[in-house]
Amino acid sequence: MNIWQKLQKPFTILAPMEGVTDVVFRRVIARAGRPDLFYTEFTNVTSFASEKGRHDALTRLSVCESDPPIIAQIWGKNPEHFAIVAAELEDLGFQGLDINMGCPDRHVNKAGGGAAMIRTPDLAIACINEAKKMTKLPVSVKTRLGFTYIDEYQKWLPLILEQNIANLTIHLRTRKEMSKVPAHFELIPEIVKMRDYIAPETKLTINGDIQDLRQVKKLAQIYPAVDGFMIGRGVFLNPFCFTERIQEIRGGDVSILELLKLFKYHLDCFDERSMELSKKGLRYPFEPLKRMFKIYVNSFDGASELRVKLMDCKNTVELRKIIDQFVLQNGIE
């Protein structure tokens, strides 16, 4: 049995997000309450296949002790490069590989990857087949309803399902829609029928506007044929989203202090990763860490002012000092 066959319905997945779901952030979510399955952030197969880009690609494909089961998500447009990556992923510690055919990023699409694959179906099939030839790992695909029009899914999804993939994750929007409109949940019943008719053994995962485990359980009752649910931006609203815990200020049981302790754990993981990479002559940049602040510092009294102070910090030592001062000054217990 492969990893997809072992997962119990309804399983949960942390969506792959560029610059977010690296080994550090996955450790944080594992501490808060892990999903059933992790994905890496995107890795370009052409970078992996080149001498110049391979080191960066391998850094992206790092796996830590708390990760498994974990799926490597890859993108590109060169079938031969997909084959090269697929041949090595099992030895790197992965339980599967997922081909991204849904990323809406303009640069990725201009390079022919992500959602642009919807416009090159023959190439998409070639990439899937070359990857499958070179690995025993299950191959899955993450995509969208279409590139420009919603009804593109009527031809696109059956084509992908015919490739005998292990799992199909569908972000219920088009590339053009980005995340500007509500996800098209109304299409789930028809998509389920497609899957059941064409590839009943393929697992079906839904992505888009899914916030937390409570919503997953409700959706699973409405759409019992769906196997899994992927949470992306919901993790920014609640890092405990894969549990039924929510912030105290929103009627839950997660205190401000617990959120700030998780924040400091994130800083600890950041420092460990920085030291690990520095030994290899690489940098783990500090500035991108700032986009994570709002995950832990939001909605409570003084949160906005605290974030302003945090944004002025130059390192994790300064961040910890500001956090500790806030806890002390506000008598947070």
Protein backbone atom coordinates (compact mmCIF):
# COMPACT_ATOMS: atom_id res chain seq x y z
CA MET A 1 0.00 0.00 0.00
CA ASN A 2 1.24 3.50 -0.80
CA ILE A 3 0.74 6.46 1.52
CA TRP A 4 -2.47 7.59 -0.19
CA GLN A 5 -4.05 4.20 0.34
CA LYS A 6 -3.17 4.28 4.04
CA LEU A 7 -4.85 7.61 4.78
CA GLN A 8 -8.25 7.51 6.44
CA LYS A 9 -11.10 9.70 5.15
CA PRO A 10 -11.35 12.59 5.52
CA PHE A 11 -7.61 13.21 5.59
CA THR A 12 -6.06 16.68 5.85
CA ILE A 13 -3.09 18.23 4.03
CA LEU A 14 -1.14 21.45 4.50
CA ALA A 15 -1.09 23.09 1.07
CA PRO A 16 2.28 23.78 -0.55
CA MET A 17 2.96 27.52 -0.35
CA GLU A 18 6.01 29.21 -1.82
CA GLY A 19 8.22 30.79 0.84
CA VAL A 20 6.00 29.40 3.60
CA THR A 21 5.86 25.62 3.90
CA ASP A 22 9.57 24.96 4.23
CA VAL A 23 11.09 22.61 6.79
CA VAL A 24 10.90 25.28 9.54
CA PHE A 25 7.22 26.09 9.16
CA ARG A 26 6.32 22.41 8.91
CA ARG A 27 8.01 21.84 12.26
CA VAL A 28 5.90 24.63 13.78
CA ILE A 29 2.65 23.19 12.43
CA ALA A 30 3.67 19.71 13.58
CA ARG A 31 3.99 21.16 17.09
CA ALA A 32 0.63 22.99 16.91
CA GLY A 33 -1.19 19.97 15.49
CA ARG A 34 -0.06 18.35 12.25
CA PRO A 35 -2.17 17.44 9.24
CA ASP A 36 -2.27 13.85 8.01
CA LEU A 37 0.10 14.76 5.20
CA PHE A 38 2.68 17.46 4.55
CA TYR A 39 3.77 18.84 1.16
CA THR A 40 7.00 20.69 0.51
CA GLU A 41 7.04 24.09 -1.11
CA PHE A 42 7.49 24.04 -4.89
CA THR A 43 10.71 22.74 -6.41
CA ASN A 44 11.62 23.40 -10.05
CA VAL A 45 12.62 20.16 -11.78
CA THR A 46 14.90 22.02 -14.18
CA SER A 47 16.81 23.54 -11.27
CA PHE A 48 17.16 20.10 -9.72
CA ALA A 49 18.45 18.68 -12.99
CA SER A 50 21.08 21.40 -13.43
CA GLU A 51 24.44 21.59 -11.71
CA LYS A 52 23.89 25.26 -10.85
CA GLY A 53 20.41 24.91 -9.33
CA ARG A 54 20.63 21.47 -7.75
CA HIS A 55 21.92 22.68 -4.38
CA ASP A 56 19.01 25.10 -3.94
CA ALA A 57 16.56 22.42 -5.06
CA LEU A 58 17.93 19.94 -2.53
CA THR A 59 17.63 22.59 0.19
CA ARG A 60 13.95 22.96 -0.67
CA LEU A 61 13.58 19.19 -0.55
CA SER A 62 14.95 18.88 2.99
CA VAL A 63 13.03 16.51 5.26
CA CYS A 64 13.10 16.63 9.08
CA GLU A 65 12.07 14.05 11.68
CA SER A 66 8.56 15.47 12.18
CA ASP A 67 7.75 15.62 8.45
CA PRO A 68 6.82 12.06 7.36
CA PRO A 69 4.54 11.28 5.77
CA ILE A 70 5.50 13.99 3.31
CA ILE A 71 5.05 14.56 -0.42
CA ALA A 72 7.56 16.40 -2.59
CA GLN A 73 5.85 18.93 -4.82
CA ILE A 74 7.61 19.62 -8.11
CA TRP A 75 6.91 21.79 -11.14
CA GLY A 76 8.31 22.46 -14.59
CA LYS A 77 7.66 21.59 -18.22
CA ASN A 78 10.51 19.28 -19.23
CA PRO A 79 9.48 15.59 -19.04
CA GLU A 80 13.11 14.42 -18.87
CA HIS A 81 13.72 16.63 -15.85
CA PHE A 82 10.66 15.19 -14.12
CA ALA A 83 12.19 11.76 -14.64
CA ILE A 84 15.50 12.85 -13.09
CA VAL A 85 13.82 14.22 -9.97
CA ALA A 86 11.43 11.27 -9.59
CA ALA A 87 14.32 8.81 -9.58
CA GLU A 88 15.84 10.37 -6.45
CA LEU A 89 12.91 11.36 -4.23
CA GLU A 90 12.50 8.06 -2.41
CA ASP A 91 16.12 8.17 -1.24
CA LEU A 92 15.55 11.72 -0.01
CA GLY A 93 12.87 10.51 2.42
CA PHE A 94 9.60 11.21 0.59
CA GLN A 95 6.51 9.03 0.46
CA GLY A 96 5.23 10.43 -2.83
CA LEU A 97 5.64 13.14 -5.43
CA ASP A 98 3.07 15.66 -6.57
CA ILE A 99 3.17 17.58 -9.84
CA ASN A 100 1.97 21.15 -9.58
CA MET A 101 -0.32 22.05 -12.46
CA GLY A 102 -2.23 24.79 -10.69
CA CYS A 103 0.15 27.48 -9.42
CA PRO A 104 -1.12 30.86 -10.70
CA ASP A 105 2.18 32.71 -10.29
CA ARG A 106 2.93 34.78 -13.40
CA HIS A 107 6.60 33.83 -13.55
CA VAL A 108 5.88 30.12 -13.12
CA ASN A 109 3.21 30.27 -15.83
CA LYS A 110 5.49 32.20 -18.19
CA ALA A 111 8.01 29.38 -17.79
CA GLY A 112 5.31 26.90 -18.83
CA GLY A 113 4.75 25.41 -15.38
CA GLY A 114 1.96 25.45 -12.82
CA ALA A 115 -1.46 26.37 -14.21
CA ALA A 116 0.06 26.92 -17.67
CA MET A 117 0.14 23.12 -18.01
CA ILE A 118 -3.64 23.24 -18.42
CA ARG A 119 -2.98 24.86 -21.82
CA THR A 120 -0.48 22.15 -22.85
CA PRO A 121 -2.28 18.89 -22.03
CA ASP A 122 -0.01 16.65 -24.12
CA LEU A 123 3.04 18.01 -22.32
CA ALA A 124 1.30 17.59 -18.96
CA ILE A 125 0.65 13.91 -19.72
CA ALA A 126 4.26 13.41 -20.80
CA CYS A 127 5.52 14.90 -17.52
CA ILE A 128 3.29 12.61 -15.47
CA ASN A 129 4.31 9.51 -17.41
CA GLU A 130 8.05 10.25 -17.28
CA ALA A 131 7.85 10.75 -13.52
CA LYS A 132 5.92 7.50 -13.07
CA LYS A 133 8.45 5.54 -15.12
CA MET A 134 11.31 6.45 -12.82
CA THR A 135 9.89 5.90 -9.34
CA LYS A 136 8.01 3.42 -7.20
CA LEU A 137 6.53 6.33 -5.26
CA PRO A 138 2.90 7.27 -5.94
CA VAL A 139 2.53 10.21 -8.33
CA SER A 140 -0.22 12.75 -7.77
CA VAL A 141 -1.31 16.04 -9.33
CA LYS A 142 -2.51 19.36 -7.92
CA THR A 143 -4.39 21.58 -10.37
CA ARG A 144 -7.26 24.03 -10.90
CA LEU A 145 -10.59 23.92 -12.70
CA GLY A 146 -9.11 25.69 -15.69
CA PHE A 147 -6.80 28.45 -16.78
CA THR A 148 -9.33 31.06 -17.88
CA TYR A 149 -12.80 29.50 -17.88
CA ILE A 150 -14.53 27.35 -15.28
CA ASP A 151 -15.92 24.87 -17.80
CA GLU A 152 -12.38 23.89 -18.85
CA TYR A 153 -12.53 21.31 -16.06
CA GLN A 154 -14.91 19.19 -18.16
CA LYS A 155 -12.06 18.23 -20.51
CA TRP A 156 -9.02 18.90 -18.33
CA LEU A 157 -9.85 16.84 -15.25
CA PRO A 158 -10.84 13.65 -17.14
CA LEU A 159 -7.56 13.85 -19.04
CA ILE A 160 -5.58 13.90 -15.79
CA LEU A 161 -7.71 11.19 -14.19
CA GLU A 162 -7.01 8.91 -17.14
CA GLN A 163 -3.30 8.90 -16.19
CA ASN A 164 -3.90 6.59 -13.23
CA ILE A 165 -2.50 8.96 -10.62
CA ALA A 166 -2.66 8.26 -6.88
CA ASN A 167 -4.43 11.48 -5.91
CA LEU A 168 -5.94 14.48 -7.67
CA THR A 169 -6.09 17.73 -5.70
CA ILE A 170 -8.35 20.35 -7.20
CA HIS A 171 -8.27 24.00 -6.22
CA LEU A 172 -11.88 24.92 -6.99
CA ARG A 173 -11.07 28.06 -8.95
CA THR A 174 -9.47 28.93 -12.29
CA ARG A 175 -6.07 30.51 -12.66
CA LYS A 176 -7.76 33.73 -13.78
CA GLU A 177 -9.91 33.79 -10.65
CA MET A 178 -6.86 33.39 -8.38
CA SER A 179 -8.44 33.59 -4.89
CA LYS A 180 -10.64 36.59 -5.68
CA VAL A 181 -13.93 34.67 -5.84
CA PRO A 182 -15.46 31.97 -3.62
CA ALA A 183 -14.34 28.42 -4.37
CA HIS A 184 -16.82 26.54 -6.57
CA PHE A 185 -18.00 23.92 -4.10
CA GLU A 186 -21.12 23.43 -6.21
CA LEU A 187 -18.99 21.52 -8.74
CA ILE A 188 -17.84 18.86 -6.26
CA PRO A 189 -20.68 16.38 -7.01
CA GLU A 190 -19.94 16.44 -10.74
CA ILE A 191 -16.20 16.10 -10.16
CA VAL A 192 -16.82 13.14 -7.88
CA LYS A 193 -18.85 11.47 -10.63
CA MET A 194 -15.98 12.02 -13.06
CA ARG A 195 -13.51 10.45 -10.68
CA ASP A 196 -15.79 7.50 -9.88
CA TYR A 197 -16.36 6.78 -13.58
CA ILE A 198 -12.85 7.32 -14.93
CA ALA A 199 -10.51 6.44 -12.06
CA PRO A 200 -12.28 5.10 -8.96
CA GLU A 201 -8.95 4.17 -7.33
CA THR A 202 -7.67 7.77 -7.51
CA LYS A 203 -8.10 9.71 -4.28
CA LEU A 204 -9.85 13.08 -4.58
CA THR A 205 -8.73 16.06 -2.51
CA ILE A 206 -10.42 19.46 -2.45
CA ASN A 207 -8.64 22.80 -1.94
CA GLY A 208 -9.87 26.38 -1.74
CA ASP A 209 -11.60 28.32 1.08
CA ILE A 210 -11.05 25.53 3.60
CA GLN A 211 -10.15 27.07 6.94
CA ASP A 212 -9.86 24.42 9.64
CA LEU A 213 -10.66 20.91 10.86
CA ARG A 214 -14.17 21.87 11.95
CA GLN A 215 -15.01 22.94 8.42
CA VAL A 216 -13.38 19.78 7.06
CA LYS A 217 -15.70 17.65 9.18
CA LYS A 218 -18.76 19.57 7.97
CA LEU A 219 -17.70 19.30 4.33
CA ALA A 220 -17.02 15.59 4.75
CA GLN A 221 -20.63 15.13 5.83
CA ILE A 222 -21.92 17.06 2.82
CA TYR A 223 -19.50 15.42 0.34
CA PRO A 224 -18.70 11.98 1.80
CA ALA A 225 -17.12 10.76 -1.47
CA VAL A 226 -14.30 13.33 -1.18
CA ASP A 227 -11.23 11.69 0.33
CA GLY A 228 -9.22 14.63 1.57
CA PHE A 229 -9.19 18.36 2.20
CA MET A 230 -6.23 20.71 1.80
CA ILE A 231 -5.83 23.83 3.94
CA GLY A 232 -3.70 26.71 2.70
CA ARG A 233 -4.36 30.27 3.80
CA GLY A 234 -6.40 29.02 6.77
CA VAL A 235 -3.15 28.29 8.57
CA PHE A 236 -2.42 32.03 8.67
CA LEU A 237 -5.67 32.62 10.56
CA ASN A 238 -5.08 29.78 12.99
CA PRO A 239 -1.86 27.73 13.21
CA PHE A 240 -3.87 25.15 15.16
CA CYS A 241 -6.23 24.69 12.20
CA PHE A 242 -5.57 20.95 11.92
CA THR A 243 -7.02 20.49 15.40
CA GLU A 244 -10.35 21.78 16.69
CA ARG A 245 -8.60 24.41 18.75
CA ILE A 246 -9.07 28.12 18.09
CA GLN A 247 -7.93 31.31 19.78
CA GLU A 248 -9.41 32.20 23.16
CA ILE A 249 -10.43 35.64 21.90
CA ARG A 250 -12.54 33.92 19.24
CA GLY A 251 -14.27 31.66 21.72
CA GLY A 252 -11.67 28.91 21.80
CA ASP A 253 -9.03 27.57 24.16
CA VAL A 254 -5.75 28.80 22.65
CA SER A 255 -4.45 31.61 24.87
CA ILE A 256 -2.39 34.58 23.73
CA LEU A 257 0.50 33.18 25.75
CA GLU A 258 0.30 29.84 23.92
CA LEU A 259 0.33 31.63 20.57
CA LEU A 260 3.38 33.65 21.57
CA LYS A 261 5.15 30.51 22.83
CA LEU A 262 4.51 28.91 19.44
CA PHE A 263 5.95 32.06 17.85
CA LYS A 264 9.11 31.68 19.96
CA TYR A 265 9.33 28.01 18.96
CA HIS A 266 9.20 29.20 15.34
CA LEU A 267 12.15 31.49 16.13
CA ASP A 268 14.04 28.56 17.68
CA CYS A 269 13.47 26.49 14.54
CA PHE A 270 14.52 29.45 12.41
CA ASP A 271 17.82 29.77 14.31
CA GLU A 272 18.52 26.04 14.04
CA ARG A 273 17.91 26.12 10.30
CA SER A 274 20.07 29.22 9.91
CA MET A 275 22.98 27.50 11.66
CA GLU A 276 22.48 24.33 9.64
CA LEU A 277 22.56 26.19 6.34
CA SER A 278 25.43 28.48 7.34
CA LYS A 279 27.63 25.41 7.81
CA LYS A 280 26.97 24.67 4.14
CA GLY A 281 27.82 28.22 3.12
CA LEU A 282 24.16 29.19 2.63
CA ARG A 283 21.96 31.93 4.08
CA TYR A 284 18.51 31.58 5.58
CA PRO A 285 17.21 35.15 5.07
CA PHE A 286 15.60 36.97 7.98
CA GLU A 287 13.24 39.32 6.12
CA PRO A 288 10.79 36.62 4.88
CA LEU A 289 10.22 35.65 8.51
CA LYS A 290 8.35 38.93 8.98
CA ARG A 291 5.46 37.78 6.81
CA MET A 292 4.78 35.15 9.49
CA PHE A 293 4.30 37.62 12.38
CA LYS A 294 0.57 38.06 11.81
CA ILE A 295 0.00 34.32 12.32
CA TYR A 296 0.80 34.71 16.01
CA VAL A 297 0.17 38.40 16.64
CA ASN A 298 -3.35 39.34 15.60
CA SER A 299 -6.79 40.27 16.91
CA PHE A 300 -5.86 40.69 20.59
CA ASP A 301 -5.44 44.04 22.36
CA GLY A 302 -2.10 45.59 21.47
CA ALA A 303 -1.41 43.21 18.58
CA SER A 304 -1.03 45.94 15.95
CA GLU A 305 1.40 47.94 18.07
CA LEU A 306 3.37 44.78 18.87
CA ARG A 307 3.68 43.91 15.18
CA VAL A 308 5.02 47.39 14.42
CA LYS A 309 7.78 46.90 16.99
CA LEU A 310 8.55 43.41 15.71
CA MET A 311 8.88 44.68 12.14
CA ASP A 312 11.75 46.94 13.23
CA CYS A 313 13.78 44.02 14.61
CA LYS A 314 16.92 42.87 12.83
CA ASN A 315 17.30 39.37 14.33
CA THR A 316 15.59 36.74 16.47
CA VAL A 317 17.28 37.95 19.66
CA GLU A 318 15.53 41.31 19.29
CA LEU A 319 12.25 39.57 18.45
CA ARG A 320 12.35 37.47 21.62
CA LYS A 321 13.11 40.54 23.73
CA ILE A 322 10.11 42.45 22.34
CA ILE A 323 7.80 39.45 22.83
CA ASP A 324 8.95 38.91 26.43
CA GLN A 325 8.50 42.61 27.24
CA PHE A 326 4.95 42.52 25.86
CA VAL A 327 4.06 39.45 27.94
CA LEU A 328 5.51 41.02 31.11
CA GLN A 329 4.00 44.47 30.60
CA ASN A 330 0.53 43.09 29.89
CA GLY A 331 0.51 40.45 32.63
CA ILE A 332 -0.22 37.69 30.11
CA GLU A 333 -0.50 34.26 31.71
